[in-house]
Amino acid sequence: MPDPSTVLPALPAPTAQAERLIELGVHEIAGLSADEVRAFAAAAEGDGALLAVHPDRAPASALAPLLRRDGKPGFVVVDMPDVDAFTPCGVELPEAPLYLVTGVDRGDHLANRSPEEALPALTGKDRTPLVLTEGIHWLLQQPEALERNRCFMTVGSRLRKPDGRLDARTPAIWISNGTGRDGRERRDAPKVGWCWWNNRHTWLGFASATGRGA
């Protein structure tokens, strides 16, 4: 269950989320018409659910720059040029260009656990970790879900190496401090980056959901 001390306001209705995606041009990235997005949202059942575009249609590299915080656009860290190769792992997405994600939670109560420790804690409660693009979609609709010291990982996305092993990096979304290769001009911007599978961070929760459906 979500930590009651960190429950965020309900997401907008799917129809309002559809208009937001259209405003941002996400439908064009996905090769969909505005009418297709509106029709899906109008037929959707589940206020409070997140409207998401399948990552095969709208990858993280295309969505991250659409994020905004204090007027600054989001970005992917320079040492993650393979961000779109982090694909769903251990989770099944609907085979549809558009789908709904229910019961989204930031997972603040799991902060200071490593991904290795947090994942079984989520699945043991019948929750499914968000994939990276779902985390970005959430922040496109609800930017206030990203707060300093309360950011999140999306461990439903992993990179599998050619030899079959999983890369030790795990995707996360947080707020840049404008240091290092980020550049001072990016201070306070939303940042898509990665953390090690076995490392703990006090300021990173683990975003999850109760389910997905088309």
Protein backbone atom coordinates (compact mmCIF):
# COMPACT_ATOMS: atom_id res chain seq x y z
CA MET A 1 0.00 0.00 0.00
CA PRO A 2 1.20 3.58 -0.57
CA ASP A 3 2.62 5.38 2.43
CA PRO A 4 -0.33 7.55 3.60
CA SER A 5 2.02 10.40 4.48
CA THR A 6 3.09 10.76 0.85
CA VAL A 7 -0.13 10.21 -1.08
CA LEU A 8 -0.34 12.69 -3.97
CA PRO A 9 -3.50 14.23 -5.44
CA ALA A 10 -5.42 12.08 -7.89
CA LEU A 11 -4.34 12.16 -11.49
CA PRO A 12 -6.52 14.08 -13.97
CA ALA A 13 -9.21 12.14 -15.83
CA PRO A 14 -7.95 10.15 -18.84
CA THR A 15 -9.61 12.63 -21.21
CA ALA A 16 -7.66 15.51 -19.63
CA GLN A 17 -4.47 13.46 -19.80
CA ALA A 18 -5.10 12.84 -23.48
CA GLU A 19 -5.30 16.56 -24.14
CA ARG A 20 -2.04 17.07 -22.28
CA LEU A 21 -0.27 14.47 -24.42
CA ILE A 22 -1.67 16.02 -27.57
CA GLU A 23 -0.57 19.48 -26.43
CA LEU A 24 2.96 18.14 -25.97
CA GLY A 25 2.97 16.37 -29.34
CA VAL A 26 3.36 12.90 -27.83
CA HIS A 27 0.78 11.52 -30.26
CA GLU A 28 2.99 12.60 -33.16
CA ILE A 29 6.03 10.92 -31.60
CA ALA A 30 3.94 7.75 -31.31
CA GLY A 31 2.57 7.94 -34.84
CA LEU A 32 -0.99 8.35 -33.59
CA SER A 33 -3.63 10.87 -34.51
CA ALA A 34 -5.09 13.19 -31.91
CA ASP A 35 -8.48 11.58 -32.55
CA GLU A 36 -7.10 8.12 -31.74
CA VAL A 37 -5.75 9.33 -28.40
CA ARG A 38 -9.01 11.11 -27.57
CA ALA A 39 -11.09 8.08 -28.50
CA PHE A 40 -9.04 5.77 -26.30
CA ALA A 41 -9.28 8.15 -23.36
CA ALA A 42 -13.02 8.64 -23.81
CA ALA A 43 -13.59 4.88 -23.68
CA ALA A 44 -11.21 4.34 -20.79
CA GLU A 45 -12.61 3.21 -17.47
CA GLY A 46 -10.63 4.21 -14.44
CA ASP A 47 -10.38 7.75 -13.16
CA GLY A 48 -7.13 8.00 -11.25
CA ALA A 49 -5.32 5.80 -13.77
CA LEU A 50 -2.33 6.99 -15.77
CA LEU A 51 -2.62 7.14 -19.55
CA ALA A 52 0.59 5.82 -21.09
CA VAL A 53 1.98 5.31 -24.57
CA HIS A 54 3.83 2.05 -25.18
CA PRO A 55 7.63 2.62 -25.13
CA ASP A 56 7.92 1.01 -28.56
CA ARG A 57 5.94 4.01 -29.83
CA ALA A 58 7.32 6.77 -27.60
CA PRO A 59 10.78 6.03 -26.16
CA ALA A 60 12.27 7.67 -23.11
CA SER A 61 14.76 9.69 -25.16
CA ALA A 62 11.88 11.44 -26.94
CA LEU A 63 9.75 11.96 -23.83
CA ALA A 64 12.36 13.19 -21.34
CA PRO A 65 12.85 16.62 -23.01
CA LEU A 66 9.10 17.27 -22.61
CA LEU A 67 9.39 17.25 -18.83
CA ARG A 68 9.42 20.64 -17.12
CA ARG A 69 10.34 21.90 -13.66
CA ASP A 70 10.67 25.59 -12.88
CA GLY A 71 10.53 26.20 -16.62
CA LYS A 72 13.52 23.97 -17.31
CA PRO A 73 13.25 21.00 -19.70
CA GLY A 74 14.08 17.47 -18.70
CA PHE A 75 17.10 15.63 -20.01
CA VAL A 76 18.86 12.26 -20.08
CA VAL A 77 22.31 12.09 -18.48
CA VAL A 78 25.16 12.04 -20.97
CA ASP A 79 26.45 8.66 -19.80
CA MET A 80 23.16 6.98 -20.65
CA PRO A 81 23.10 7.18 -24.48
CA ASP A 82 21.54 3.71 -24.49
CA VAL A 83 18.51 4.83 -22.45
CA ASP A 84 16.04 3.39 -24.97
CA ALA A 85 17.64 -0.04 -24.66
CA PHE A 86 16.31 -0.25 -21.09
CA THR A 87 13.20 -2.27 -21.83
CA PRO A 88 10.50 -3.89 -19.65
CA CYS A 89 11.95 -6.66 -17.51
CA GLY A 90 9.80 -8.92 -15.38
CA VAL A 91 6.68 -6.92 -16.26
CA GLU A 92 4.23 -7.32 -19.12
CA LEU A 93 2.89 -4.29 -20.94
CA PRO A 94 -0.35 -4.45 -22.92
CA GLU A 95 0.21 -5.07 -26.62
CA ALA A 96 -1.38 -1.79 -27.59
CA PRO A 97 -0.09 1.69 -28.40
CA LEU A 98 -2.08 3.19 -25.51
CA TYR A 99 -2.84 1.68 -22.12
CA LEU A 100 -3.72 2.55 -18.53
CA VAL A 101 -1.58 2.15 -15.42
CA THR A 102 -3.54 1.88 -12.17
CA GLY A 103 -2.62 2.67 -8.58
CA VAL A 104 0.58 4.61 -9.28
CA ASP A 105 2.70 5.27 -6.19
CA ARG A 106 6.12 6.88 -5.72
CA GLY A 107 7.30 4.31 -3.19
CA ASP A 108 8.78 6.74 -0.68
CA HIS A 109 8.55 4.10 2.04
CA LEU A 110 11.16 2.03 0.19
CA ALA A 111 13.78 4.80 0.13
CA ASN A 112 17.22 3.75 1.33
CA ARG A 113 16.78 0.27 -0.08
CA SER A 114 18.70 -0.97 -3.07
CA PRO A 115 16.77 -1.99 -6.19
CA GLU A 116 17.69 -5.57 -5.38
CA GLU A 117 16.01 -5.18 -1.97
CA ALA A 118 13.04 -3.08 -3.09
CA LEU A 119 11.84 -5.18 -6.00
CA PRO A 120 10.79 -8.24 -3.94
CA ALA A 121 9.19 -5.90 -1.40
CA LEU A 122 7.00 -4.52 -4.21
CA THR A 123 6.12 -7.79 -5.87
CA GLY A 124 5.44 -9.35 -2.47
CA LYS A 125 2.64 -6.79 -2.10
CA ASP A 126 1.25 -7.62 -5.56
CA ARG A 127 2.60 -4.39 -7.02
CA THR A 128 4.42 -4.01 -10.31
CA PRO A 129 7.39 -1.65 -10.76
CA LEU A 130 6.98 1.17 -13.26
CA VAL A 131 9.01 1.12 -16.44
CA LEU A 132 10.93 4.27 -17.25
CA THR A 133 8.51 5.66 -19.82
CA GLU A 134 5.61 5.23 -17.38
CA GLY A 135 7.50 7.28 -14.83
CA ILE A 136 8.02 10.01 -17.41
CA HIS A 137 4.35 9.92 -18.42
CA TRP A 138 3.40 10.33 -14.77
CA LEU A 139 5.52 13.47 -14.44
CA LEU A 140 4.16 14.88 -17.70
CA GLN A 141 0.72 14.76 -16.11
CA GLN A 142 1.70 15.49 -12.52
CA PRO A 143 5.05 17.35 -12.33
CA GLU A 144 4.66 17.86 -8.60
CA ALA A 145 5.22 14.12 -8.10
CA LEU A 146 8.94 14.88 -8.43
CA GLU A 147 10.19 16.62 -5.29
CA ARG A 148 13.63 17.23 -3.87
CA ASN A 149 14.56 14.32 -1.62
CA ARG A 150 11.49 12.43 -2.86
CA CYS A 151 12.31 11.19 -6.32
CA PHE A 152 12.04 7.65 -7.66
CA MET A 153 13.51 4.73 -9.53
CA THR A 154 11.76 2.78 -12.30
CA VAL A 155 13.17 -0.70 -11.89
CA GLY A 156 10.68 -2.26 -14.31
CA SER A 157 13.13 -1.24 -17.05
CA ARG A 158 16.47 -3.04 -17.36
CA LEU A 159 19.14 -3.43 -20.02
CA ARG A 160 20.06 -6.96 -20.98
CA LYS A 161 23.59 -7.43 -22.29
CA PRO A 162 24.41 -9.54 -25.39
CA ASP A 163 25.54 -12.39 -23.11
CA GLY A 164 22.12 -12.41 -21.41
CA ARG A 165 23.19 -10.81 -18.14
CA LEU A 166 21.42 -7.72 -16.83
CA ASP A 167 23.30 -4.43 -16.78
CA ALA A 168 23.93 -3.23 -13.22
CA ARG A 169 22.43 0.19 -13.99
CA THR A 170 18.80 0.84 -13.13
CA PRO A 171 16.86 3.90 -14.40
CA ALA A 172 15.70 6.67 -12.10
CA ILE A 173 14.22 10.15 -12.36
CA TRP A 174 15.36 12.91 -10.05
CA ILE A 175 16.20 16.63 -9.95
CA SER A 176 19.54 17.90 -11.19
CA ASN A 177 21.80 19.89 -8.90
CA GLY A 178 23.48 21.46 -11.91
CA THR A 179 26.83 19.90 -11.06
CA GLY A 180 29.34 18.02 -13.19
CA ARG A 181 28.37 17.22 -16.74
CA ASP A 182 24.76 18.29 -16.15
CA GLY A 183 25.84 21.94 -16.38
CA ARG A 184 24.80 24.80 -14.10
CA GLU A 185 22.04 25.82 -16.49
CA ARG A 186 20.29 22.53 -15.73
CA ARG A 187 20.04 23.02 -11.98
CA ASP A 188 16.52 22.07 -10.81
CA ALA A 189 15.68 20.40 -14.16
CA PRO A 190 14.10 16.91 -14.24
CA LYS A 191 16.83 14.37 -14.87
CA VAL A 192 16.65 10.83 -16.25
CA GLY A 193 19.65 8.89 -15.05
CA TRP A 194 20.66 5.63 -13.43
CA CYS A 195 21.84 4.11 -10.16
CA TRP A 196 23.55 0.82 -9.40
CA TRP A 197 21.42 -2.26 -8.72
CA ASN A 198 22.96 -2.84 -5.29
CA ASN A 199 23.23 0.78 -4.09
CA ARG A 200 20.92 2.54 -1.61
CA HIS A 201 19.79 6.17 -1.77
CA THR A 202 17.82 7.93 0.94
CA TRP A 203 16.12 10.24 -1.59
CA LEU A 204 14.98 7.64 -4.13
CA GLY A 205 11.77 5.66 -3.71
CA PHE A 206 10.58 2.95 -6.08
CA ALA A 207 7.63 3.82 -8.28
CA SER A 208 5.07 1.08 -8.78
CA ALA A 209 1.48 0.36 -9.77
CA THR A 210 -1.27 -2.12 -9.07
CA GLY A 211 -1.69 -3.11 -12.70
CA ARG A 212 -1.96 -2.24 -16.39
CA GLY A 213 -4.67 -2.68 -18.96
CA ALA A 214 -5.65 -1.68 -22.48
